[in-house]
Amino acid sequence: MKQQQLCLTNDQVIAIPTETVYALAGNALSIPAVTKIYEIKTHHLEETKKALVEMVDVAKELRKSVKEPAIIN
């Protein structure tokens, strides 16, 4: 777990196994990490991605860096 935490704090991307597929994870506030996820998945930057956060404060901080309106439930 410490290795994954170190990767996430250093703008890296990690793969997380789930029951059916692997999910990619990175720091949503890190431009290099988000860019790597788009490159790995070969998606265009115009395509949206979801960001899972643990607290509303984190979502509000993330929202500050987004050009388009974000939906916060």
PDB file of N, CA and C in Angstrom:
ATOM      1  N   MET A   1       0.815  -1.188   0.000  1.00  0.00           N
ATOM      2  CA  MET A   1       0.000   0.000   0.000  1.00  0.00           C
ATOM      3  C   MET A   1       0.866   1.263   0.000  1.00  0.00           C
ATOM      4  N   LYS A   2       1.970   1.240   0.692  1.00  0.00           N
ATOM      5  CA  LYS A   2       2.845   2.414   0.732  1.00  0.00           C
ATOM      6  C   LYS A   2       3.408   2.736  -0.648  1.00  0.00           C
ATOM      7  N   GLN A   3       3.714   1.710  -1.423  1.00  0.00           N
ATOM      8  CA  GLN A   3       4.242   1.923  -2.768  1.00  0.00           C
ATOM      9  C   GLN A   3       3.189   2.617  -3.644  1.00  0.00           C
ATOM     10  N   GLN A   4       1.933   2.210  -3.522  1.00  0.00           N
ATOM     11  CA  GLN A   4       0.859   2.839  -4.291  1.00  0.00           C
ATOM     12  C   GLN A   4       0.678   4.297  -3.868  1.00  0.00           C
ATOM     13  N   GLN A   5       0.731   4.557  -2.569  1.00  0.00           N
ATOM     14  CA  GLN A   5       0.606   5.932  -2.076  1.00  0.00           C
ATOM     15  C   GLN A   5       1.740   6.798  -2.612  1.00  0.00           C
ATOM     16  N   LEU A   6       2.943   6.257  -2.633  1.00  0.00           N
ATOM     17  CA  LEU A   6       4.091   6.996  -3.147  1.00  0.00           C
ATOM     18  C   LEU A   6       3.909   7.310  -4.624  1.00  0.00           C
ATOM     19  N   CYS A   7       3.418   6.338  -5.376  1.00  0.00           N
ATOM     20  CA  CYS A   7       3.164   6.567  -6.807  1.00  0.00           C
ATOM     21  C   CYS A   7       2.139   7.676  -7.008  1.00  0.00           C
ATOM     22  N   LEU A   8       1.061   7.636  -6.253  1.00  0.00           N
ATOM     23  CA  LEU A   8      -0.003   8.623  -6.422  1.00  0.00           C
ATOM     24  C   LEU A   8       0.458  10.023  -6.025  1.00  0.00           C
ATOM     25  N   THR A   9       1.328  10.139  -5.047  1.00  0.00           N
ATOM     26  CA  THR A   9       1.808  11.464  -4.642  1.00  0.00           C
ATOM     27  C   THR A   9       2.913  11.975  -5.561  1.00  0.00           C
ATOM     28  N   ASN A  10       3.415  11.101  -6.436  1.00  0.00           N
ATOM     29  CA  ASN A  10       4.468  11.504  -7.375  1.00  0.00           C
ATOM     30  C   ASN A  10       3.975  11.523  -8.820  1.00  0.00           C
ATOM     31  N   ASP A  11       2.702  11.866  -8.997  1.00  0.00           N
ATOM     32  CA  ASP A  11       2.114  12.044 -10.335  1.00  0.00           C
ATOM     33  C   ASP A  11       2.131  10.784 -11.186  1.00  0.00           C
ATOM     34  N   GLN A  12       2.157   9.617 -10.560  1.00  0.00           N
ATOM     35  CA  GLN A  12       2.145   8.359 -11.293  1.00  0.00           C
ATOM     36  C   GLN A  12       0.724   7.815 -11.382  1.00  0.00           C
ATOM     37  N   VAL A  13       0.548   6.803 -12.207  1.00  0.00           N
ATOM     38  CA  VAL A  13      -0.737   6.126 -12.376  1.00  0.00           C
ATOM     39  C   VAL A  13      -0.558   4.688 -11.918  1.00  0.00           C
ATOM     40  N   ILE A  14      -1.553   4.168 -11.205  1.00  0.00           N
ATOM     41  CA  ILE A  14      -1.499   2.773 -10.772  1.00  0.00           C
ATOM     42  C   ILE A  14      -2.711   2.025 -11.309  1.00  0.00           C
ATOM     43  N   ALA A  15      -2.581   0.711 -11.431  1.00  0.00           N
ATOM     44  CA  ALA A  15      -3.690  -0.152 -11.852  1.00  0.00           C
ATOM     45  C   ALA A  15      -4.224  -0.855 -10.611  1.00  0.00           C
ATOM     46  N   ILE A  16      -5.553  -0.858 -10.492  1.00  0.00           N
ATOM     47  CA  ILE A  16      -6.209  -1.484  -9.346  1.00  0.00           C
ATOM     48  C   ILE A  16      -7.098  -2.608  -9.869  1.00  0.00           C
ATOM     49  N   PRO A  17      -6.846  -3.846  -9.440  1.00  0.00           N
ATOM     50  CA  PRO A  17      -7.692  -4.943  -9.909  1.00  0.00           C
ATOM     51  C   PRO A  17      -9.073  -4.885  -9.276  1.00  0.00           C
ATOM     52  N   THR A  18     -10.096  -5.151 -10.094  1.00  0.00           N
ATOM     53  CA  THR A  18     -11.467  -5.277  -9.599  1.00  0.00           C
ATOM     54  C   THR A  18     -11.934  -6.683  -9.951  1.00  0.00           C
ATOM     55  N   GLU A  19     -13.190  -6.973  -9.731  1.00  0.00           N
ATOM     56  CA  GLU A  19     -13.692  -8.312 -10.035  1.00  0.00           C
ATOM     57  C   GLU A  19     -13.623  -8.633 -11.521  1.00  0.00           C
ATOM     58  N   THR A  20     -13.795  -7.633 -12.374  1.00  0.00           N
ATOM     59  CA  THR A  20     -13.888  -7.913 -13.810  1.00  0.00           C
ATOM     60  C   THR A  20     -12.782  -7.280 -14.645  1.00  0.00           C
ATOM     61  N   VAL A  21     -12.276  -6.128 -14.246  1.00  0.00           N
ATOM     62  CA  VAL A  21     -11.269  -5.419 -15.031  1.00  0.00           C
ATOM     63  C   VAL A  21     -10.277  -4.744 -14.097  1.00  0.00           C
ATOM     64  N   TYR A  22      -9.288  -4.109 -14.684  1.00  0.00           N
ATOM     65  CA  TYR A  22      -8.383  -3.271 -13.914  1.00  0.00           C
ATOM     66  C   TYR A  22      -8.815  -1.823 -14.075  1.00  0.00           C
ATOM     67  N   ALA A  23      -8.787  -1.081 -12.999  1.00  0.00           N
ATOM     68  CA  ALA A  23      -9.089   0.347 -13.039  1.00  0.00           C
ATOM     69  C   ALA A  23      -7.780   1.119 -12.940  1.00  0.00           C
ATOM     70  N   LEU A  24      -7.716   2.263 -13.576  1.00  0.00           N
ATOM     71  CA  LEU A  24      -6.550   3.129 -13.457  1.00  0.00           C
ATOM     72  C   LEU A  24      -6.839   4.205 -12.427  1.00  0.00           C
ATOM     73  N   ALA A  25      -5.842   4.518 -11.619  1.00  0.00           N
ATOM     74  CA  ALA A  25      -6.013   5.543 -10.583  1.00  0.00           C
ATOM     75  C   ALA A  25      -4.834   6.498 -10.627  1.00  0.00           C
ATOM     76  N   GLY A  26      -5.139   7.752 -10.382  1.00  0.00           N
ATOM     77  CA  GLY A  26      -4.120   8.790 -10.314  1.00  0.00           C
ATOM     78  C   GLY A  26      -4.685   9.963  -9.553  1.00  0.00           C
ATOM     79  N   ASN A  27      -3.834  10.884  -9.187  1.00  0.00           N
ATOM     80  CA  ASN A  27      -4.246  12.083  -8.472  1.00  0.00           C
ATOM     81  C   ASN A  27      -5.004  12.990  -9.438  1.00  0.00           C
ATOM     82  N   ALA A  28      -6.287  13.208  -9.202  1.00  0.00           N
ATOM     83  CA  ALA A  28      -7.116  14.018 -10.102  1.00  0.00           C
ATOM     84  C   ALA A  28      -6.687  15.489 -10.125  1.00  0.00           C
ATOM     85  N   LEU A  29      -5.895  15.919  -9.151  1.00  0.00           N
ATOM     86  CA  LEU A  29      -5.405  17.295  -9.124  1.00  0.00           C
ATOM     87  C   LEU A  29      -4.043  17.433  -9.794  1.00  0.00           C
ATOM     88  N   SER A  30      -3.524  16.335 -10.316  1.00  0.00           N
ATOM     89  CA  SER A  30      -2.207  16.321 -10.966  1.00  0.00           C
ATOM     90  C   SER A  30      -2.369  16.269 -12.481  1.00  0.00           C
ATOM     91  N   ILE A  31      -1.982  17.333 -13.151  1.00  0.00           N
ATOM     92  CA  ILE A  31      -2.065  17.357 -14.619  1.00  0.00           C
ATOM     93  C   ILE A  31      -1.238  16.228 -15.236  1.00  0.00           C
ATOM     94  N   PRO A  32      -0.001  15.977 -14.774  1.00  0.00           N
ATOM     95  CA  PRO A  32       0.755  14.851 -15.356  1.00  0.00           C
ATOM     96  C   PRO A  32       0.058  13.498 -15.174  1.00  0.00           C
ATOM     97  N   ALA A  33      -0.537  13.261 -14.005  1.00  0.00           N
ATOM     98  CA  ALA A  33      -1.205  11.978 -13.764  1.00  0.00           C
ATOM     99  C   ALA A  33      -2.444  11.832 -14.644  1.00  0.00           C
ATOM    100  N   VAL A  34      -3.244  12.879 -14.743  1.00  0.00           N
ATOM    101  CA  VAL A  34      -4.444  12.823 -15.575  1.00  0.00           C
ATOM    102  C   VAL A  34      -4.068  12.637 -17.039  1.00  0.00           C
ATOM    103  N   THR A  35      -3.027  13.336 -17.477  1.00  0.00           N
ATOM    104  CA  THR A  35      -2.556  13.202 -18.856  1.00  0.00           C
ATOM    105  C   THR A  35      -2.111  11.773 -19.138  1.00  0.00           C
ATOM    106  N   LYS A  36      -1.417  11.148 -18.178  1.00  0.00           N
ATOM    107  CA  LYS A  36      -0.976   9.759 -18.358  1.00  0.00           C
ATOM    108  C   LYS A  36      -2.164   8.813 -18.496  1.00  0.00           C
ATOM    109  N   ILE A  37      -3.212   9.037 -17.716  1.00  0.00           N
ATOM    110  CA  ILE A  37      -4.399   8.176 -17.815  1.00  0.00           C
ATOM    111  C   ILE A  37      -5.004   8.292 -19.208  1.00  0.00           C
ATOM    112  N   TYR A  38      -5.115   9.514 -19.716  1.00  0.00           N
ATOM    113  CA  TYR A  38      -5.660   9.696 -21.066  1.00  0.00           C
ATOM    114  C   TYR A  38      -4.768   9.023 -22.110  1.00  0.00           C
ATOM    115  N   GLU A  39      -3.448   9.120 -21.929  1.00  0.00           N
ATOM    116  CA  GLU A  39      -2.527   8.488 -22.882  1.00  0.00           C
ATOM    117  C   GLU A  39      -2.640   6.964 -22.826  1.00  0.00           C
ATOM    118  N   ILE A  40      -2.691   6.408 -21.626  1.00  0.00           N
ATOM    119  CA  ILE A  40      -2.787   4.956 -21.471  1.00  0.00           C
ATOM    120  C   ILE A  40      -4.071   4.439 -22.108  1.00  0.00           C
ATOM    121  N   LYS A  41      -5.165   5.135 -21.881  1.00  0.00           N
ATOM    122  CA  LYS A  41      -6.454   4.699 -22.406  1.00  0.00           C
ATOM    123  C   LYS A  41      -6.679   5.163 -23.844  1.00  0.00           C
ATOM    124  N   THR A  42      -5.719   5.878 -24.391  1.00  0.00           N
ATOM    125  CA  THR A  42      -5.782   6.441 -25.751  1.00  0.00           C
ATOM    126  C   THR A  42      -7.081   7.197 -26.004  1.00  0.00           C
ATOM    127  N   HIS A  43      -7.453   8.044 -25.050  1.00  0.00           N
ATOM    128  CA  HIS A  43      -8.630   8.894 -25.176  1.00  0.00           C
ATOM    129  C   HIS A  43      -8.197  10.322 -25.486  1.00  0.00           C
ATOM    130  N   HIS A  44      -9.078  11.043 -26.145  1.00  0.00           N
ATOM    131  CA  HIS A  44      -8.832  12.449 -26.418  1.00  0.00           C
ATOM    132  C   HIS A  44      -9.111  13.258 -25.154  1.00  0.00           C
ATOM    133  N   LEU A  45      -8.404  14.367 -25.007  1.00  0.00           N
ATOM    134  CA  LEU A  45      -8.577  15.189 -23.815  1.00  0.00           C
ATOM    135  C   LEU A  45      -9.980  15.779 -23.708  1.00  0.00           C
ATOM    136  N   GLU A  46     -10.719  15.814 -24.808  1.00  0.00           N
ATOM    137  CA  GLU A  46     -12.080  16.339 -24.769  1.00  0.00           C
ATOM    138  C   GLU A  46     -13.054  15.372 -24.106  1.00  0.00           C
ATOM    139  N   GLU A  47     -12.675  14.098 -24.027  1.00  0.00           N
ATOM    140  CA  GLU A  47     -13.537  13.100 -23.400  1.00  0.00           C
ATOM    141  C   GLU A  47     -13.459  13.250 -21.884  1.00  0.00           C
ATOM    142  N   THR A  48     -14.604  13.187 -21.234  1.00  0.00           N
ATOM    143  CA  THR A  48     -14.624  13.371 -19.786  1.00  0.00           C
ATOM    144  C   THR A  48     -14.313  12.072 -19.053  1.00  0.00           C
ATOM    145  N   LYS A  49     -13.805  12.221 -17.868  1.00  0.00           N
ATOM    146  CA  LYS A  49     -13.531  11.097 -16.972  1.00  0.00           C
ATOM    147  C   LYS A  49     -14.151  11.409 -15.619  1.00  0.00           C
ATOM    148  N   LYS A  50     -14.431  10.394 -14.861  1.00  0.00           N
ATOM    149  CA  LYS A  50     -14.975  10.574 -13.516  1.00  0.00           C
ATOM    150  C   LYS A  50     -13.830  10.653 -12.516  1.00  0.00           C
ATOM    151  N   ALA A  51     -14.041  11.426 -11.480  1.00  0.00           N
ATOM    152  CA  ALA A  51     -13.087  11.498 -10.379  1.00  0.00           C
ATOM    153  C   ALA A  51     -13.824  11.117  -9.100  1.00  0.00           C
ATOM    154  N   LEU A  52     -13.326  10.107  -8.419  1.00  0.00           N
ATOM    155  CA  LEU A  52     -13.910   9.695  -7.147  1.00  0.00           C
ATOM    156  C   LEU A  52     -13.097  10.340  -6.028  1.00  0.00           C
ATOM    157  N   VAL A  53     -13.783  11.010  -5.128  1.00  0.00           N
ATOM    158  CA  VAL A  53     -13.111  11.678  -4.012  1.00  0.00           C
ATOM    159  C   VAL A  53     -13.784  11.273  -2.711  1.00  0.00           C
ATOM    160  N   GLU A  54     -13.051  11.390  -1.621  1.00  0.00           N
ATOM    161  CA  GLU A  54     -13.602  10.927  -0.357  1.00  0.00           C
ATOM    162  C   GLU A  54     -14.354  12.002   0.423  1.00  0.00           C
ATOM    163  N   MET A  55     -14.110  13.282   0.114  1.00  0.00           N
ATOM    164  CA  MET A  55     -14.758  14.351   0.865  1.00  0.00           C
ATOM    165  C   MET A  55     -15.191  15.478  -0.069  1.00  0.00           C
ATOM    166  N   VAL A  56     -16.225  16.188   0.329  1.00  0.00           N
ATOM    167  CA  VAL A  56     -16.734  17.300  -0.465  1.00  0.00           C
ATOM    168  C   VAL A  56     -15.657  18.369  -0.649  1.00  0.00           C
ATOM    169  N   ASP A  57     -14.839  18.605   0.361  1.00  0.00           N
ATOM    170  CA  ASP A  57     -13.773  19.617   0.249  1.00  0.00           C
ATOM    171  C   ASP A  57     -12.826  19.300  -0.903  1.00  0.00           C
ATOM    172  N   VAL A  58     -12.530  18.030  -1.099  1.00  0.00           N
ATOM    173  CA  VAL A  58     -11.652  17.620  -2.199  1.00  0.00           C
ATOM    174  C   VAL A  58     -12.341  17.880  -3.530  1.00  0.00           C
ATOM    175  N   ALA A  59     -13.630  17.578  -3.608  1.00  0.00           N
ATOM    176  CA  ALA A  59     -14.384  17.829  -4.834  1.00  0.00           C
ATOM    177  C   ALA A  59     -14.412  19.317  -5.157  1.00  0.00           C
ATOM    178  N   LYS A  60     -14.571  20.148  -4.155  1.00  0.00           N
ATOM    179  CA  LYS A  60     -14.581  21.600  -4.373  1.00  0.00           C
ATOM    180  C   LYS A  60     -13.216  22.082  -4.854  1.00  0.00           C
ATOM    181  N   GLU A  61     -12.144  21.534  -4.313  1.00  0.00           N
ATOM    182  CA  GLU A  61     -10.796  21.895  -4.756  1.00  0.00           C
ATOM    183  C   GLU A  61     -10.578  21.467  -6.197  1.00  0.00           C
ATOM    184  N   LEU A  62     -11.031  20.271  -6.533  1.00  0.00           N
ATOM    185  CA  LEU A  62     -10.920  19.774  -7.897  1.00  0.00           C
ATOM    186  C   LEU A  62     -11.717  20.658  -8.842  1.00  0.00           C
ATOM    187  N   ARG A  63     -12.876  21.080  -8.430  1.00  0.00           N
ATOM    188  CA  ARG A  63     -13.739  21.919  -9.266  1.00  0.00           C
ATOM    189  C   ARG A  63     -13.045  23.222  -9.662  1.00  0.00           C
ATOM    190  N   LYS A  64     -12.208  23.767  -8.793  1.00  0.00           N
ATOM    191  CA  LYS A  64     -11.498  25.020  -9.083  1.00  0.00           C
ATOM    192  C   LYS A  64     -10.592  24.899 -10.305  1.00  0.00           C
ATOM    193  N   SER A  65     -10.118  23.700 -10.584  1.00  0.00           N
ATOM    194  CA  SER A  65      -9.176  23.507 -11.677  1.00  0.00           C
ATOM    195  C   SER A  65      -9.847  23.050 -12.974  1.00  0.00           C
ATOM    196  N   VAL A  66     -11.180  22.965 -12.981  1.00  0.00           N
ATOM    197  CA  VAL A  66     -11.909  22.473 -14.146  1.00  0.00           C
ATOM    198  C   VAL A  66     -12.558  23.637 -14.873  1.00  0.00           C
ATOM    199  N   LYS A  67     -12.438  23.643 -16.218  1.00  0.00           N
ATOM    200  CA  LYS A  67     -13.024  24.715 -17.012  1.00  0.00           C
ATOM    201  C   LYS A  67     -14.536  24.593 -17.100  1.00  0.00           C
ATOM    202  N   GLU A  68     -15.025  23.392 -17.300  1.00  0.00           N
ATOM    203  CA  GLU A  68     -16.455  23.136 -17.454  1.00  0.00           C
ATOM    204  C   GLU A  68     -17.082  22.868 -16.094  1.00  0.00           C
ATOM    205  N   PRO A  69     -18.371  23.140 -15.948  1.00  0.00           N
ATOM    206  CA  PRO A  69     -19.051  22.858 -14.669  1.00  0.00           C
ATOM    207  C   PRO A  69     -18.959  21.391 -14.304  1.00  0.00           C
ATOM    208  N   ALA A  70     -18.765  21.123 -13.045  1.00  0.00           N
ATOM    209  CA  ALA A  70     -18.720  19.747 -12.542  1.00  0.00           C
ATOM    210  C   ALA A  70     -19.989  19.464 -11.764  1.00  0.00           C
ATOM    211  N   ILE A  71     -20.428  18.232 -11.791  1.00  0.00           N
ATOM    212  CA  ILE A  71     -21.605  17.830 -11.021  1.00  0.00           C
ATOM    213  C   ILE A  71     -21.098  17.238  -9.712  1.00  0.00           C
ATOM    214  N   ILE A  72     -21.522  17.826  -8.604  1.00  0.00           N
ATOM    215  CA  ILE A  72     -21.127  17.338  -7.295  1.00  0.00           C
ATOM    216  C   ILE A  72     -22.390  16.892  -6.582  1.00  0.00           C
ATOM    217  N   ASN A  73     -22.491  15.598  -6.310  1.00  0.00           N
ATOM    218  CA  ASN A  73     -23.666  15.054  -5.604  1.00  0.00           C
ATOM    219  C   ASN A  73     -23.384  14.938  -4.131  1.00  0.00           C
TER     220      ASN A  73
END
